[in-house]
Amino acid sequence: MRNTKRRPVTVGQMLVTEFLEPMNIAISELAEAMGVHRNTLSRIAHDKGTLTAPMAIKLAAALGNTPEFWLNIQHAVELWDVRHRAYEQEAKNVRRVKPHGAASEAGLKNISVY
């Protein structure tokens, strides 16, 4: 687990600094191209709203990248925020479950997806 002290770049920061400003595109222009209300996109651009999967698909289509690009940014920020709040401390009190039966006998005691 990487534990960084600095919060990752947000979707809004990425959208504004790497796309809107360099491309000289206004939020209202991008919102119109995406078929969404300007206020909806403005909330995302100013980090007041959370990016949804449908919005990520529209952003990707309008800007020529992938929904995964946007959702990975959102996920990194959300995970960082959770890890730097009380939830991380609460997780220390959670005990790991142990496999039973056939899973235990097969040596699947330390399964990890990472």
N, C-alpha and C. Protein backbone atom coordinates (compact mmCIF):
# COMPACT_ATOMS: atom_id res chain seq x y z
N MET A 1 0.84 -1.18 0.00
CA MET A 1 0.00 0.00 0.00
C MET A 1 0.89 1.24 0.00
N ARG A 2 0.73 2.08 -1.00
CA ARG A 2 1.46 3.34 -1.04
C ARG A 2 0.77 4.35 -0.16
N ASN A 3 1.55 5.00 0.68
CA ASN A 3 0.98 5.98 1.58
C ASN A 3 1.64 7.33 1.29
N THR A 4 0.97 8.15 0.53
CA THR A 4 1.52 9.45 0.18
C THR A 4 0.92 10.54 1.05
N LYS A 5 1.71 11.55 1.30
CA LYS A 5 1.25 12.66 2.13
C LYS A 5 0.45 13.69 1.33
N ARG A 6 0.70 13.71 0.04
CA ARG A 6 0.03 14.70 -0.81
C ARG A 6 -1.18 14.09 -1.49
N ARG A 7 -2.29 14.80 -1.44
CA ARG A 7 -3.52 14.34 -2.07
C ARG A 7 -3.33 14.28 -3.58
N PRO A 8 -3.84 13.23 -4.22
CA PRO A 8 -3.72 13.13 -5.68
C PRO A 8 -4.46 14.26 -6.39
N VAL A 9 -4.10 14.48 -7.62
CA VAL A 9 -4.79 15.47 -8.46
C VAL A 9 -6.24 15.03 -8.61
N THR A 10 -7.16 15.97 -8.48
CA THR A 10 -8.58 15.66 -8.58
C THR A 10 -9.04 15.69 -10.04
N VAL A 11 -10.22 15.16 -10.27
CA VAL A 11 -10.80 15.20 -11.61
C VAL A 11 -10.94 16.64 -12.07
N GLY A 12 -11.39 17.51 -11.20
CA GLY A 12 -11.56 18.92 -11.55
C GLY A 12 -10.24 19.58 -11.92
N GLN A 13 -9.21 19.32 -11.11
CA GLN A 13 -7.90 19.90 -11.41
C GLN A 13 -7.38 19.40 -12.76
N MET A 14 -7.51 18.11 -13.00
CA MET A 14 -7.05 17.53 -14.27
C MET A 14 -7.84 18.13 -15.44
N LEU A 15 -9.15 18.19 -15.28
CA LEU A 15 -10.00 18.71 -16.34
C LEU A 15 -9.63 20.14 -16.71
N VAL A 16 -9.48 20.98 -15.70
CA VAL A 16 -9.20 22.39 -15.95
C VAL A 16 -7.78 22.62 -16.46
N THR A 17 -6.78 22.08 -15.75
CA THR A 17 -5.39 22.42 -16.08
C THR A 17 -4.83 21.68 -17.29
N GLU A 18 -5.33 20.47 -17.55
CA GLU A 18 -4.77 19.68 -18.65
C GLU A 18 -5.64 19.65 -19.90
N PHE A 19 -6.89 20.09 -19.78
CA PHE A 19 -7.78 20.04 -20.93
C PHE A 19 -8.41 21.39 -21.25
N LEU A 20 -9.20 21.93 -20.34
CA LEU A 20 -9.93 23.16 -20.65
C LEU A 20 -9.01 24.34 -20.94
N GLU A 21 -8.08 24.62 -20.03
CA GLU A 21 -7.19 25.77 -20.23
C GLU A 21 -6.30 25.62 -21.47
N PRO A 22 -5.57 24.50 -21.63
CA PRO A 22 -4.71 24.38 -22.82
C PRO A 22 -5.49 24.38 -24.13
N MET A 23 -6.71 23.85 -24.11
CA MET A 23 -7.51 23.77 -25.34
C MET A 23 -8.37 25.02 -25.54
N ASN A 24 -8.31 25.94 -24.55
CA ASN A 24 -9.08 27.17 -24.60
C ASN A 24 -10.58 26.89 -24.77
N ILE A 25 -11.07 25.95 -23.98
CA ILE A 25 -12.48 25.55 -24.03
C ILE A 25 -13.16 25.98 -22.72
N ALA A 26 -14.31 26.60 -22.83
CA ALA A 26 -15.08 27.00 -21.66
C ALA A 26 -15.89 25.81 -21.14
N ILE A 27 -16.19 25.83 -19.86
CA ILE A 27 -17.00 24.78 -19.25
C ILE A 27 -18.33 24.66 -19.98
N SER A 28 -18.93 25.80 -20.31
CA SER A 28 -20.23 25.77 -20.98
C SER A 28 -20.14 25.11 -22.36
N GLU A 29 -19.04 25.33 -23.06
CA GLU A 29 -18.85 24.73 -24.38
C GLU A 29 -18.70 23.21 -24.27
N LEU A 30 -17.90 22.76 -23.30
CA LEU A 30 -17.73 21.32 -23.10
C LEU A 30 -19.04 20.69 -22.64
N ALA A 31 -19.74 21.36 -21.74
CA ALA A 31 -21.02 20.84 -21.25
C ALA A 31 -22.01 20.66 -22.39
N GLU A 32 -22.06 21.63 -23.28
CA GLU A 32 -22.97 21.53 -24.43
C GLU A 32 -22.58 20.36 -25.33
N ALA A 33 -21.29 20.19 -25.58
CA ALA A 33 -20.82 19.08 -26.41
C ALA A 33 -21.15 17.72 -25.78
N MET A 34 -21.15 17.68 -24.44
CA MET A 34 -21.43 16.44 -23.72
C MET A 34 -22.92 16.20 -23.53
N GLY A 35 -23.72 17.23 -23.74
CA GLY A 35 -25.16 17.10 -23.53
C GLY A 35 -25.55 17.10 -22.07
N VAL A 36 -24.78 17.85 -21.25
CA VAL A 36 -25.09 17.96 -19.83
C VAL A 36 -25.25 19.44 -19.47
N HIS A 37 -25.86 19.69 -18.33
CA HIS A 37 -26.06 21.06 -17.88
C HIS A 37 -24.71 21.65 -17.45
N ARG A 38 -24.52 22.91 -17.74
CA ARG A 38 -23.28 23.59 -17.40
C ARG A 38 -22.97 23.50 -15.91
N ASN A 39 -23.99 23.64 -15.07
CA ASN A 39 -23.77 23.59 -13.62
C ASN A 39 -23.24 22.22 -13.17
N THR A 40 -23.70 21.18 -13.82
CA THR A 40 -23.24 19.83 -13.48
C THR A 40 -21.75 19.70 -13.73
N LEU A 41 -21.31 20.13 -14.89
CA LEU A 41 -19.89 20.06 -15.23
C LEU A 41 -19.07 21.04 -14.40
N SER A 42 -19.63 22.19 -14.12
CA SER A 42 -18.94 23.19 -13.30
C SER A 42 -18.66 22.65 -11.90
N ARG A 43 -19.61 21.92 -11.33
CA ARG A 43 -19.41 21.33 -10.00
C ARG A 43 -18.24 20.34 -10.03
N ILE A 44 -18.14 19.57 -11.08
CA ILE A 44 -17.03 18.61 -11.20
C ILE A 44 -15.71 19.36 -11.39
N ALA A 45 -15.72 20.36 -12.25
CA ALA A 45 -14.50 21.13 -12.53
C ALA A 45 -13.98 21.87 -11.30
N HIS A 46 -14.88 22.22 -10.39
CA HIS A 46 -14.49 22.94 -9.18
C HIS A 46 -14.48 22.03 -7.95
N ASP A 47 -14.45 20.73 -8.19
CA ASP A 47 -14.36 19.72 -7.12
C ASP A 47 -15.48 19.84 -6.09
N LYS A 48 -16.66 20.20 -6.55
CA LYS A 48 -17.83 20.28 -5.68
C LYS A 48 -18.76 19.09 -5.88
N GLY A 49 -18.52 18.31 -6.91
CA GLY A 49 -19.35 17.14 -7.20
C GLY A 49 -18.48 15.94 -7.50
N THR A 50 -19.05 14.76 -7.36
CA THR A 50 -18.33 13.52 -7.61
C THR A 50 -18.59 13.06 -9.04
N LEU A 51 -17.56 12.57 -9.67
CA LEU A 51 -17.68 12.05 -11.02
C LEU A 51 -18.39 10.69 -10.99
N THR A 52 -19.38 10.53 -11.84
CA THR A 52 -20.08 9.24 -11.96
C THR A 52 -19.58 8.53 -13.21
N ALA A 53 -19.87 7.24 -13.30
CA ALA A 53 -19.46 6.47 -14.48
C ALA A 53 -20.08 7.03 -15.77
N PRO A 54 -21.39 7.35 -15.78
CA PRO A 54 -21.95 7.92 -17.01
C PRO A 54 -21.28 9.24 -17.41
N MET A 55 -20.94 10.06 -16.42
CA MET A 55 -20.26 11.33 -16.73
C MET A 55 -18.85 11.06 -17.24
N ALA A 56 -18.18 10.06 -16.70
CA ALA A 56 -16.84 9.70 -17.17
C ALA A 56 -16.88 9.26 -18.63
N ILE A 57 -17.91 8.53 -18.99
CA ILE A 57 -18.06 8.10 -20.39
C ILE A 57 -18.24 9.31 -21.30
N LYS A 58 -19.04 10.27 -20.87
CA LYS A 58 -19.26 11.47 -21.68
C LYS A 58 -17.99 12.33 -21.77
N LEU A 59 -17.29 12.49 -20.65
CA LEU A 59 -16.04 13.25 -20.66
C LEU A 59 -15.04 12.62 -21.62
N ALA A 60 -14.91 11.30 -21.53
CA ALA A 60 -13.97 10.57 -22.38
C ALA A 60 -14.32 10.74 -23.86
N ALA A 61 -15.59 10.65 -24.18
CA ALA A 61 -16.02 10.79 -25.57
C ALA A 61 -15.73 12.20 -26.09
N ALA A 62 -15.96 13.20 -25.25
CA ALA A 62 -15.76 14.59 -25.66
C ALA A 62 -14.29 14.97 -25.76
N LEU A 63 -13.46 14.36 -24.91
CA LEU A 63 -12.05 14.77 -24.85
C LEU A 63 -11.08 13.78 -25.47
N GLY A 64 -11.60 12.66 -25.96
CA GLY A 64 -10.74 11.72 -26.67
C GLY A 64 -9.87 10.84 -25.81
N ASN A 65 -10.34 10.52 -24.61
CA ASN A 65 -9.60 9.57 -23.78
C ASN A 65 -10.56 8.49 -23.31
N THR A 66 -10.30 7.85 -22.18
CA THR A 66 -11.14 6.74 -21.75
C THR A 66 -11.87 7.06 -20.45
N PRO A 67 -13.01 6.40 -20.21
CA PRO A 67 -13.69 6.57 -18.93
C PRO A 67 -12.81 6.12 -17.77
N GLU A 68 -12.00 5.08 -18.02
CA GLU A 68 -11.11 4.58 -16.96
C GLU A 68 -10.11 5.64 -16.51
N PHE A 69 -9.66 6.47 -17.44
CA PHE A 69 -8.76 7.57 -17.10
C PHE A 69 -9.38 8.43 -16.01
N TRP A 70 -10.62 8.85 -16.23
CA TRP A 70 -11.31 9.73 -15.29
C TRP A 70 -11.68 9.01 -14.00
N LEU A 71 -12.17 7.79 -14.12
CA LEU A 71 -12.58 7.05 -12.92
C LEU A 71 -11.39 6.67 -12.05
N ASN A 72 -10.24 6.41 -12.65
CA ASN A 72 -9.04 6.11 -11.86
C ASN A 72 -8.61 7.33 -11.05
N ILE A 73 -8.73 8.51 -11.63
CA ILE A 73 -8.41 9.74 -10.90
C ILE A 73 -9.37 9.88 -9.72
N GLN A 74 -10.67 9.71 -9.99
CA GLN A 74 -11.68 9.82 -8.94
C GLN A 74 -11.42 8.81 -7.83
N HIS A 75 -11.13 7.58 -8.22
CA HIS A 75 -10.88 6.51 -7.25
C HIS A 75 -9.66 6.82 -6.38
N ALA A 76 -8.59 7.29 -6.98
CA ALA A 76 -7.37 7.61 -6.22
C ALA A 76 -7.63 8.68 -5.18
N VAL A 77 -8.40 9.69 -5.54
CA VAL A 77 -8.72 10.77 -4.61
C VAL A 77 -9.61 10.27 -3.48
N GLU A 78 -10.64 9.50 -3.82
CA GLU A 78 -11.54 8.98 -2.79
C GLU A 78 -10.80 8.08 -1.81
N LEU A 79 -9.94 7.21 -2.33
CA LEU A 79 -9.19 6.31 -1.47
C LEU A 79 -8.23 7.09 -0.57
N TRP A 80 -7.57 8.08 -1.11
CA TRP A 80 -6.66 8.92 -0.32
C TRP A 80 -7.44 9.61 0.80
N ASP A 81 -8.59 10.17 0.44
CA ASP A 81 -9.41 10.87 1.44
C ASP A 81 -9.81 9.94 2.57
N VAL A 82 -10.24 8.73 2.24
CA VAL A 82 -10.66 7.77 3.26
C VAL A 82 -9.48 7.38 4.14
N ARG A 83 -8.35 7.13 3.52
CA ARG A 83 -7.17 6.70 4.28
C ARG A 83 -6.66 7.79 5.21
N HIS A 84 -6.96 9.02 4.94
CA HIS A 84 -6.46 10.11 5.76
C HIS A 84 -7.53 10.67 6.69
N ARG A 85 -8.54 9.87 6.92
CA ARG A 85 -9.57 10.22 7.90
C ARG A 85 -9.64 9.12 8.94
N ALA A 86 -10.61 9.18 9.79
CA ALA A 86 -10.74 8.23 10.89
C ALA A 86 -10.96 6.80 10.42
N TYR A 87 -11.43 6.60 9.20
CA TYR A 87 -11.71 5.26 8.71
C TYR A 87 -10.48 4.37 8.73
N GLU A 88 -9.32 4.95 8.48
CA GLU A 88 -8.09 4.17 8.49
C GLU A 88 -7.86 3.60 9.89
N GLN A 89 -8.10 4.41 10.90
CA GLN A 89 -7.94 3.95 12.28
C GLN A 89 -8.95 2.85 12.59
N GLU A 90 -10.17 3.02 12.13
CA GLU A 90 -11.20 2.00 12.35
C GLU A 90 -10.81 0.68 11.70
N ALA A 91 -10.18 0.73 10.55
CA ALA A 91 -9.78 -0.49 9.84
C ALA A 91 -8.75 -1.29 10.63
N LYS A 92 -7.98 -0.62 11.48
CA LYS A 92 -6.98 -1.32 12.29
C LYS A 92 -7.65 -2.23 13.31
N ASN A 93 -8.89 -1.98 13.64
CA ASN A 93 -9.62 -2.81 14.60
C ASN A 93 -10.36 -3.96 13.94
N VAL A 94 -10.27 -4.06 12.63
CA VAL A 94 -10.94 -5.14 11.90
C VAL A 94 -10.01 -6.34 11.86
N ARG A 95 -10.56 -7.49 12.15
CA ARG A 95 -9.75 -8.70 12.14
C ARG A 95 -9.95 -9.43 10.84
N ARG A 96 -8.87 -9.99 10.32
CA ARG A 96 -8.93 -10.71 9.05
C ARG A 96 -9.61 -12.06 9.25
N VAL A 97 -10.49 -12.43 8.32
CA VAL A 97 -11.18 -13.72 8.41
C VAL A 97 -10.27 -14.82 7.89
N LYS A 98 -10.47 -16.01 8.42
CA LYS A 98 -9.67 -17.16 8.01
C LYS A 98 -10.56 -18.13 7.25
N PRO A 99 -10.03 -18.77 6.21
CA PRO A 99 -10.82 -19.73 5.44
C PRO A 99 -11.15 -20.97 6.25
N HIS A 100 -12.26 -21.60 5.91
CA HIS A 100 -12.69 -22.82 6.58
C HIS A 100 -12.80 -23.95 5.57
N GLY A 101 -12.83 -25.15 6.06
CA GLY A 101 -13.11 -26.31 5.22
C GLY A 101 -12.08 -26.53 4.13
N ALA A 102 -12.56 -26.80 2.92
CA ALA A 102 -11.69 -27.15 1.80
C ALA A 102 -10.71 -26.03 1.47
N ALA A 103 -11.14 -24.80 1.59
CA ALA A 103 -10.24 -23.68 1.30
C ALA A 103 -9.06 -23.68 2.26
N SER A 104 -9.32 -23.98 3.51
CA SER A 104 -8.26 -24.03 4.50
C SER A 104 -7.31 -25.18 4.22
N GLU A 105 -7.86 -26.33 3.87
CA GLU A 105 -7.05 -27.51 3.59
C GLU A 105 -6.22 -27.34 2.33
N ALA A 106 -6.69 -26.55 1.38
CA ALA A 106 -5.98 -26.35 0.12
C ALA A 106 -4.85 -25.33 0.26
N GLY A 107 -4.67 -24.82 1.45
CA GLY A 107 -3.58 -23.87 1.66
C GLY A 107 -3.90 -22.47 1.19
N LEU A 108 -5.16 -22.11 1.19
CA LEU A 108 -5.57 -20.79 0.73
C LEU A 108 -5.66 -19.81 1.89
N LYS A 109 -4.73 -19.91 2.81
CA LYS A 109 -4.77 -19.08 4.01
C LYS A 109 -4.37 -17.64 3.76
N ASN A 110 -3.50 -17.44 2.82
CA ASN A 110 -2.98 -16.09 2.61
C ASN A 110 -3.26 -15.59 1.19
N ILE A 111 -4.48 -15.76 0.75
CA ILE A 111 -4.85 -15.29 -0.59
C ILE A 111 -4.84 -13.77 -0.60
N SER A 112 -4.27 -13.24 -1.63
CA SER A 112 -4.26 -11.80 -1.82
C SER A 112 -4.38 -11.51 -3.30
N VAL A 113 -5.10 -10.46 -3.63
CA VAL A 113 -5.24 -10.10 -5.04
C VAL A 113 -4.10 -9.20 -5.49
N TYR A 114 -3.24 -8.82 -4.57
CA TYR A 114 -2.14 -7.92 -4.92
C TYR A 114 -0.83 -8.64 -4.83
